[in-house]
Amino acid sequence: MFRSGLVAFNGCVRYRAVMSGTHFRSNCSGTDIQSEDRSIHSGNIEEFHDVPIHVIIRPIPPVLDEQKVQSLVETIQKTPSTTVVPPIDVLWVKGREGGDYFYSFGGCHRFAAYQRLNVKTVPAKIIRSSLSDLRTYLGASTPDLR
């Protein structure tokens, strides 16, 4: 079950989402992000959420540059701000029976850095998507989401 709502705080509208008792904390940043730092999917999304790392599905095995991952681990430890390490993009797909699925394809080095830090949540921009969008990434390997 997924519930969401808008919450106003200090003049900033925040999106709040709750999935099966797991809370996604929303954050708003007054900082302008340069357009070259934005992704195609989330370029127009300012808010981000602390998404439980265990709900994020990453179906494509990453090819990692270990030095880059280690550098990100050190950066996140020193400065956990999303102005330094941008949030990952997460596609939120509804299954045919209403199930919630959270897929991520990019940000593999950032995701690996958070995994190595054994954190429970990862900063992410949630992009409402469809099965058709997911099929673009996975083709015939797209699972039957319920």
N, C-alpha and C. Protein backbone atom coordinates (compact mmCIF):
# COMPACT_ATOMS: atom_id res chain seq x y z
N MET A 1 0.86 -1.17 0.00
CA MET A 1 0.00 0.00 0.00
C MET A 1 0.90 1.23 0.00
N PHE A 2 0.58 2.18 -0.79
CA PHE A 2 1.37 3.40 -0.93
C PHE A 2 0.45 4.58 -0.75
N ARG A 3 0.78 5.47 0.16
CA ARG A 3 0.01 6.69 0.36
C ARG A 3 0.95 7.87 0.18
N SER A 4 0.39 8.95 -0.27
CA SER A 4 1.23 10.12 -0.44
C SER A 4 0.43 11.37 -0.17
N GLY A 5 1.12 12.45 0.02
CA GLY A 5 0.45 13.72 0.24
C GLY A 5 1.45 14.85 0.20
N LEU A 6 0.93 16.04 0.03
CA LEU A 6 1.79 17.22 0.04
C LEU A 6 1.76 17.83 1.43
N VAL A 7 2.92 18.23 1.91
CA VAL A 7 3.04 18.83 3.22
C VAL A 7 3.78 20.14 3.06
N ALA A 8 3.22 21.22 3.61
CA ALA A 8 3.90 22.52 3.54
C ALA A 8 4.72 22.72 4.81
N PHE A 9 5.96 23.16 4.65
CA PHE A 9 6.83 23.41 5.79
C PHE A 9 7.76 24.56 5.43
N ASN A 10 7.71 25.61 6.21
CA ASN A 10 8.56 26.79 5.97
C ASN A 10 8.49 27.27 4.53
N GLY A 11 7.28 27.28 3.97
CA GLY A 11 7.10 27.79 2.61
C GLY A 11 7.53 26.83 1.52
N CYS A 12 7.96 25.64 1.88
CA CYS A 12 8.42 24.66 0.91
C CYS A 12 7.41 23.52 0.89
N VAL A 13 6.87 23.22 -0.27
CA VAL A 13 5.93 22.11 -0.37
C VAL A 13 6.74 20.83 -0.53
N ARG A 14 6.45 19.89 0.33
CA ARG A 14 7.18 18.63 0.32
C ARG A 14 6.22 17.49 0.03
N TYR A 15 6.69 16.54 -0.70
CA TYR A 15 5.91 15.36 -1.03
C TYR A 15 6.23 14.30 0.01
N ARG A 16 5.20 13.76 0.64
CA ARG A 16 5.41 12.74 1.65
C ARG A 16 4.83 11.44 1.14
N ALA A 17 5.58 10.38 1.23
CA ALA A 17 5.10 9.10 0.75
C ALA A 17 5.33 8.04 1.82
N VAL A 18 4.37 7.13 1.94
CA VAL A 18 4.49 6.04 2.89
C VAL A 18 4.16 4.75 2.15
N MET A 19 5.04 3.77 2.23
CA MET A 19 4.81 2.51 1.55
C MET A 19 4.86 1.39 2.57
N SER A 20 3.79 0.67 2.76
CA SER A 20 3.71 -0.48 3.66
C SER A 20 4.37 -0.19 5.00
N GLY A 21 4.08 0.96 5.56
CA GLY A 21 4.64 1.32 6.85
C GLY A 21 6.05 1.87 6.78
N THR A 22 6.65 1.90 5.62
CA THR A 22 7.99 2.45 5.46
C THR A 22 7.86 3.89 4.99
N HIS A 23 8.43 4.81 5.73
CA HIS A 23 8.30 6.22 5.40
C HIS A 23 9.42 6.67 4.49
N PHE A 24 9.08 7.44 3.48
CA PHE A 24 10.07 8.11 2.65
C PHE A 24 10.09 9.55 3.15
N ARG A 25 11.22 10.01 3.61
CA ARG A 25 11.32 11.39 4.06
C ARG A 25 11.60 12.27 2.87
N SER A 26 10.85 13.35 2.77
CA SER A 26 11.04 14.29 1.66
C SER A 26 11.93 15.44 2.08
N ASN A 27 12.62 15.96 1.12
CA ASN A 27 13.48 17.11 1.36
C ASN A 27 13.30 18.10 0.23
N CYS A 28 13.35 19.35 0.55
CA CYS A 28 13.33 20.40 -0.47
C CYS A 28 14.61 21.19 -0.30
N SER A 29 15.17 21.56 -1.38
CA SER A 29 16.38 22.34 -1.31
C SER A 29 16.15 23.66 -2.02
N GLY A 30 16.58 24.71 -1.41
CA GLY A 30 16.45 26.02 -2.04
C GLY A 30 17.60 26.28 -3.00
N THR A 31 18.50 25.33 -3.09
CA THR A 31 19.67 25.49 -3.94
C THR A 31 19.32 25.21 -5.39
N ASP A 32 19.73 26.10 -6.27
CA ASP A 32 19.53 25.86 -7.69
C ASP A 32 20.59 24.88 -8.16
N ILE A 33 20.15 23.89 -8.91
CA ILE A 33 21.07 22.90 -9.46
C ILE A 33 21.29 23.25 -10.92
N GLN A 34 22.51 23.25 -11.33
CA GLN A 34 22.82 23.57 -12.71
C GLN A 34 22.21 22.54 -13.64
N SER A 35 21.78 22.95 -14.82
CA SER A 35 21.10 22.05 -15.74
C SER A 35 21.98 20.86 -16.15
N GLU A 36 23.29 21.02 -16.18
CA GLU A 36 24.14 19.90 -16.57
C GLU A 36 24.19 18.83 -15.49
N ASP A 37 23.72 19.13 -14.26
CA ASP A 37 23.68 18.16 -13.18
C ASP A 37 22.37 17.40 -13.14
N ARG A 38 21.46 17.70 -14.04
CA ARG A 38 20.14 17.09 -14.01
C ARG A 38 20.06 15.93 -14.99
N SER A 39 19.21 14.98 -14.63
CA SER A 39 19.00 13.86 -15.54
C SER A 39 17.83 14.16 -16.46
N ILE A 40 17.70 13.38 -17.51
CA ILE A 40 16.59 13.54 -18.44
C ILE A 40 15.27 13.31 -17.71
N HIS A 41 15.24 12.30 -16.85
CA HIS A 41 14.00 11.94 -16.16
C HIS A 41 13.62 12.90 -15.05
N SER A 42 14.58 13.35 -14.28
CA SER A 42 14.24 14.10 -13.08
C SER A 42 14.67 15.57 -13.14
N GLY A 43 14.99 16.06 -14.31
CA GLY A 43 15.44 17.45 -14.45
C GLY A 43 14.45 18.47 -13.93
N ASN A 44 13.17 18.16 -13.99
CA ASN A 44 12.16 19.10 -13.51
C ASN A 44 11.67 18.77 -12.11
N ILE A 45 12.28 17.80 -11.45
CA ILE A 45 11.88 17.41 -10.10
C ILE A 45 12.90 17.97 -9.12
N GLU A 46 12.44 18.81 -8.21
CA GLU A 46 13.34 19.39 -7.21
C GLU A 46 13.40 18.56 -5.93
N GLU A 47 12.26 18.02 -5.50
CA GLU A 47 12.24 17.31 -4.23
C GLU A 47 12.86 15.93 -4.37
N PHE A 48 13.39 15.46 -3.26
CA PHE A 48 13.93 14.11 -3.24
C PHE A 48 13.46 13.44 -1.96
N HIS A 49 13.62 12.13 -1.93
CA HIS A 49 13.11 11.32 -0.83
C HIS A 49 14.20 10.40 -0.34
N ASP A 50 14.19 10.10 0.95
CA ASP A 50 15.08 9.09 1.50
C ASP A 50 14.35 7.76 1.35
N VAL A 51 14.69 7.02 0.31
CA VAL A 51 14.00 5.78 -0.03
C VAL A 51 14.73 4.60 0.62
N PRO A 52 13.99 3.69 1.25
CA PRO A 52 14.63 2.50 1.82
C PRO A 52 15.40 1.75 0.73
N ILE A 53 16.65 1.50 0.99
CA ILE A 53 17.52 0.91 -0.03
C ILE A 53 17.04 -0.49 -0.43
N HIS A 54 16.39 -1.19 0.49
CA HIS A 54 15.97 -2.56 0.20
C HIS A 54 14.78 -2.65 -0.76
N VAL A 55 14.07 -1.54 -1.02
CA VAL A 55 12.93 -1.60 -1.95
C VAL A 55 13.35 -1.26 -3.39
N ILE A 56 14.58 -0.81 -3.57
CA ILE A 56 15.04 -0.40 -4.90
C ILE A 56 15.53 -1.61 -5.67
N ILE A 57 14.94 -1.82 -6.84
CA ILE A 57 15.30 -2.94 -7.72
C ILE A 57 16.28 -2.41 -8.77
N ARG A 58 17.43 -3.08 -8.87
CA ARG A 58 18.43 -2.71 -9.87
C ARG A 58 18.69 -3.94 -10.73
N PRO A 59 17.94 -4.10 -11.82
CA PRO A 59 17.99 -5.33 -12.60
C PRO A 59 19.22 -5.49 -13.49
N ILE A 60 19.96 -4.43 -13.71
CA ILE A 60 21.13 -4.53 -14.59
C ILE A 60 22.39 -4.47 -13.73
N PRO A 61 23.21 -5.53 -13.77
CA PRO A 61 24.43 -5.54 -12.95
C PRO A 61 25.34 -4.37 -13.34
N PRO A 62 25.86 -3.66 -12.35
CA PRO A 62 26.72 -2.50 -12.66
C PRO A 62 28.14 -2.92 -13.01
N VAL A 63 28.78 -2.07 -13.78
CA VAL A 63 30.21 -2.18 -14.02
C VAL A 63 30.79 -0.98 -13.28
N LEU A 64 31.49 -1.27 -12.19
CA LEU A 64 31.91 -0.20 -11.29
C LEU A 64 33.39 0.13 -11.40
N ASP A 65 33.69 1.40 -11.26
CA ASP A 65 35.05 1.90 -11.10
C ASP A 65 35.24 2.01 -9.59
N GLU A 66 36.04 1.10 -9.02
CA GLU A 66 36.20 1.03 -7.56
C GLU A 66 36.73 2.33 -6.96
N GLN A 67 37.60 3.02 -7.68
CA GLN A 67 38.12 4.30 -7.17
C GLN A 67 37.00 5.33 -7.06
N LYS A 68 36.11 5.33 -8.03
CA LYS A 68 34.99 6.27 -8.02
C LYS A 68 34.05 5.96 -6.86
N VAL A 69 33.78 4.67 -6.63
CA VAL A 69 32.90 4.28 -5.51
C VAL A 69 33.54 4.70 -4.19
N GLN A 70 34.84 4.42 -4.03
CA GLN A 70 35.51 4.79 -2.78
C GLN A 70 35.52 6.30 -2.57
N SER A 71 35.73 7.04 -3.63
CA SER A 71 35.70 8.50 -3.54
C SER A 71 34.31 8.98 -3.10
N LEU A 72 33.27 8.37 -3.64
CA LEU A 72 31.90 8.73 -3.24
C LEU A 72 31.63 8.36 -1.79
N VAL A 73 32.11 7.21 -1.36
CA VAL A 73 31.96 6.80 0.04
C VAL A 73 32.56 7.87 0.95
N GLU A 74 33.76 8.29 0.64
CA GLU A 74 34.45 9.30 1.45
C GLU A 74 33.71 10.63 1.41
N THR A 75 33.22 11.02 0.25
CA THR A 75 32.49 12.28 0.11
C THR A 75 31.19 12.24 0.90
N ILE A 76 30.45 11.14 0.81
CA ILE A 76 29.19 11.02 1.53
C ILE A 76 29.43 11.03 3.04
N GLN A 77 30.51 10.39 3.49
CA GLN A 77 30.83 10.40 4.91
C GLN A 77 31.14 11.81 5.41
N LYS A 78 31.85 12.58 4.61
CA LYS A 78 32.23 13.94 4.99
C LYS A 78 31.07 14.91 4.86
N THR A 79 30.35 14.83 3.76
CA THR A 79 29.28 15.78 3.45
C THR A 79 28.10 15.03 2.84
N PRO A 80 27.13 14.63 3.66
CA PRO A 80 26.00 13.87 3.13
C PRO A 80 24.98 14.72 2.35
N SER A 81 25.32 15.94 2.04
CA SER A 81 24.41 16.85 1.34
C SER A 81 24.19 16.41 -0.11
N THR A 82 22.94 16.55 -0.57
CA THR A 82 22.63 16.20 -1.96
C THR A 82 23.11 17.28 -2.92
N THR A 83 23.64 18.38 -2.40
CA THR A 83 24.22 19.38 -3.30
C THR A 83 25.61 18.93 -3.73
N VAL A 84 26.20 17.99 -2.98
CA VAL A 84 27.53 17.47 -3.32
C VAL A 84 27.39 16.15 -4.10
N VAL A 85 26.59 15.23 -3.58
CA VAL A 85 26.32 13.95 -4.25
C VAL A 85 24.83 13.94 -4.58
N PRO A 86 24.49 14.09 -5.85
CA PRO A 86 23.08 14.18 -6.24
C PRO A 86 22.30 12.90 -5.95
N PRO A 87 21.00 13.01 -5.73
CA PRO A 87 20.18 11.82 -5.51
C PRO A 87 20.10 10.98 -6.78
N ILE A 88 19.83 9.69 -6.61
CA ILE A 88 19.65 8.81 -7.77
C ILE A 88 18.21 8.95 -8.26
N ASP A 89 17.98 8.56 -9.49
CA ASP A 89 16.62 8.53 -10.05
C ASP A 89 16.02 7.16 -9.81
N VAL A 90 14.78 7.15 -9.34
CA VAL A 90 14.07 5.90 -9.10
C VAL A 90 12.73 5.97 -9.82
N LEU A 91 12.48 4.99 -10.68
CA LEU A 91 11.20 4.90 -11.38
C LEU A 91 10.21 4.18 -10.48
N TRP A 92 9.06 4.82 -10.22
CA TRP A 92 8.00 4.22 -9.42
C TRP A 92 6.97 3.67 -10.40
N VAL A 93 6.84 2.34 -10.44
CA VAL A 93 5.94 1.67 -11.37
C VAL A 93 4.86 0.96 -10.57
N LYS A 94 3.61 1.16 -10.97
CA LYS A 94 2.48 0.47 -10.36
C LYS A 94 2.25 -0.83 -11.13
N GLY A 95 2.12 -1.94 -10.40
CA GLY A 95 1.81 -3.21 -11.02
C GLY A 95 0.34 -3.29 -11.40
N ARG A 96 -0.03 -4.30 -12.14
CA ARG A 96 -1.40 -4.42 -12.64
C ARG A 96 -2.41 -4.63 -11.52
N GLU A 97 -1.97 -5.10 -10.35
CA GLU A 97 -2.87 -5.28 -9.21
C GLU A 97 -2.61 -4.23 -8.13
N GLY A 98 -1.89 -3.18 -8.48
CA GLY A 98 -1.67 -2.08 -7.55
C GLY A 98 -0.38 -2.12 -6.75
N GLY A 99 0.46 -3.12 -6.99
CA GLY A 99 1.73 -3.21 -6.26
C GLY A 99 2.65 -2.05 -6.63
N ASP A 100 3.53 -1.68 -5.71
CA ASP A 100 4.49 -0.60 -5.93
C ASP A 100 5.87 -1.20 -6.15
N TYR A 101 6.52 -0.76 -7.24
CA TYR A 101 7.85 -1.25 -7.59
C TYR A 101 8.74 -0.04 -7.87
N PHE A 102 9.96 -0.11 -7.35
CA PHE A 102 10.88 1.00 -7.45
C PHE A 102 12.16 0.52 -8.16
N TYR A 103 12.34 0.99 -9.39
CA TYR A 103 13.46 0.56 -10.23
C TYR A 103 14.45 1.71 -10.39
N SER A 104 15.73 1.34 -10.39
CA SER A 104 16.77 2.33 -10.64
C SER A 104 17.76 1.73 -11.63
N PHE A 105 18.12 2.55 -12.61
CA PHE A 105 19.04 2.08 -13.65
C PHE A 105 20.34 2.87 -13.66
N GLY A 106 20.30 4.14 -13.34
CA GLY A 106 21.50 4.97 -13.30
C GLY A 106 21.99 5.13 -11.88
N GLY A 107 23.05 5.89 -11.72
CA GLY A 107 23.57 6.18 -10.38
C GLY A 107 24.21 4.97 -9.71
N CYS A 108 24.78 4.06 -10.52
CA CYS A 108 25.30 2.82 -9.95
C CYS A 108 26.45 3.05 -8.96
N HIS A 109 27.30 4.03 -9.22
CA HIS A 109 28.40 4.31 -8.29
C HIS A 109 27.89 4.90 -6.98
N ARG A 110 26.91 5.80 -7.08
CA ARG A 110 26.32 6.38 -5.87
C ARG A 110 25.60 5.30 -5.07
N PHE A 111 24.82 4.46 -5.76
CA PHE A 111 24.08 3.39 -5.09
C PHE A 111 25.06 2.45 -4.38
N ALA A 112 26.13 2.06 -5.05
CA ALA A 112 27.13 1.17 -4.46
C ALA A 112 27.79 1.83 -3.24
N ALA A 113 28.04 3.13 -3.32
CA ALA A 113 28.64 3.84 -2.18
C ALA A 113 27.71 3.79 -0.97
N TYR A 114 26.42 4.03 -1.18
CA TYR A 114 25.47 3.96 -0.07
C TYR A 114 25.36 2.54 0.48
N GLN A 115 25.40 1.54 -0.38
CA GLN A 115 25.37 0.15 0.08
C GLN A 115 26.57 -0.14 0.97
N ARG A 116 27.74 0.31 0.55
CA ARG A 116 28.96 0.05 1.33
C ARG A 116 28.96 0.78 2.67
N LEU A 117 28.20 1.86 2.73
CA LEU A 117 28.07 2.58 4.00
C LEU A 117 27.00 1.95 4.90
N ASN A 118 26.34 0.90 4.41
CA ASN A 118 25.31 0.19 5.16
C ASN A 118 24.20 1.10 5.66
N VAL A 119 23.79 2.04 4.80
CA VAL A 119 22.71 2.94 5.17
C VAL A 119 21.37 2.27 4.89
N LYS A 120 20.34 2.73 5.57
CA LYS A 120 19.00 2.17 5.38
C LYS A 120 18.25 2.85 4.26
N THR A 121 18.60 4.10 3.96
CA THR A 121 17.92 4.85 2.91
C THR A 121 18.93 5.50 2.00
N VAL A 122 18.46 5.83 0.79
CA VAL A 122 19.30 6.50 -0.19
C VAL A 122 18.52 7.69 -0.74
N PRO A 123 19.15 8.86 -0.89
CA PRO A 123 18.45 10.00 -1.47
C PRO A 123 18.08 9.70 -2.93
N ALA A 124 16.82 9.92 -3.26
CA ALA A 124 16.37 9.60 -4.62
C ALA A 124 15.27 10.54 -5.07
N LYS A 125 15.23 10.79 -6.35
CA LYS A 125 14.12 11.50 -6.98
C LYS A 125 13.20 10.42 -7.54
N ILE A 126 11.94 10.46 -7.12
CA ILE A 126 10.99 9.45 -7.56
C ILE A 126 10.27 9.96 -8.80
N ILE A 127 10.32 9.15 -9.86
CA ILE A 127 9.70 9.49 -11.14
C ILE A 127 8.56 8.51 -11.38
N ARG A 128 7.33 9.04 -11.38
CA ARG A 128 6.18 8.17 -11.69
C ARG A 128 6.35 7.66 -13.10
N SER A 129 6.27 6.34 -13.24
CA SER A 129 6.50 5.70 -14.53
C SER A 129 5.43 4.65 -14.79
N SER A 130 5.49 4.07 -15.97
CA SER A 130 4.51 3.06 -16.36
C SER A 130 5.24 1.77 -16.73
N LEU A 131 4.46 0.72 -16.92
CA LEU A 131 5.05 -0.54 -17.39
C LEU A 131 5.69 -0.34 -18.76
N SER A 132 5.10 0.53 -19.56
CA SER A 132 5.66 0.83 -20.88
C SER A 132 7.05 1.45 -20.74
N ASP A 133 7.20 2.38 -19.78
CA ASP A 133 8.52 2.97 -19.53
C ASP A 133 9.52 1.90 -19.12
N LEU A 134 9.08 1.02 -18.22
CA LEU A 134 9.96 -0.03 -17.73
C LEU A 134 10.36 -0.97 -18.88
N ARG A 135 9.42 -1.24 -19.77
CA ARG A 135 9.68 -2.10 -20.94
C ARG A 135 10.76 -1.49 -21.84
N THR A 136 10.85 -0.16 -21.85
CA THR A 136 11.89 0.52 -22.63
C THR A 136 13.28 0.09 -22.14
N TYR A 137 13.41 -0.08 -20.84
CA TYR A 137 14.69 -0.49 -20.27
C TYR A 137 14.92 -2.00 -20.35
N LEU A 138 13.87 -2.77 -20.09
CA LEU A 138 14.04 -4.21 -19.92
C LEU A 138 13.57 -5.07 -21.09
N GLY A 139 12.85 -4.49 -22.03
CA GLY A 139 12.38 -5.24 -23.20
C GLY A 139 11.58 -6.46 -22.78
N ALA A 140 11.85 -7.59 -23.43
CA ALA A 140 11.13 -8.83 -23.14
C ALA A 140 11.40 -9.37 -21.75
N SER A 141 12.40 -8.83 -21.06
CA SER A 141 12.73 -9.26 -19.71
C SER A 141 11.87 -8.56 -18.65
N THR A 142 10.96 -7.69 -19.08
CA THR A 142 10.11 -6.97 -18.12
C THR A 142 9.25 -7.98 -17.38
N PRO A 143 9.31 -7.98 -16.04
CA PRO A 143 8.52 -8.95 -15.27
C PRO A 143 7.03 -8.59 -15.27
N ASP A 144 6.21 -9.57 -14.91
CA ASP A 144 4.78 -9.37 -14.76
C ASP A 144 4.56 -8.79 -13.36
N LEU A 145 4.48 -7.48 -13.27
CA LEU A 145 4.34 -6.82 -11.98
C LEU A 145 2.88 -6.85 -11.53
N ARG A 146 2.65 -7.27 -10.33
CA ARG A 146 1.29 -7.36 -9.79
C ARG A 146 0.96 -6.19 -8.93
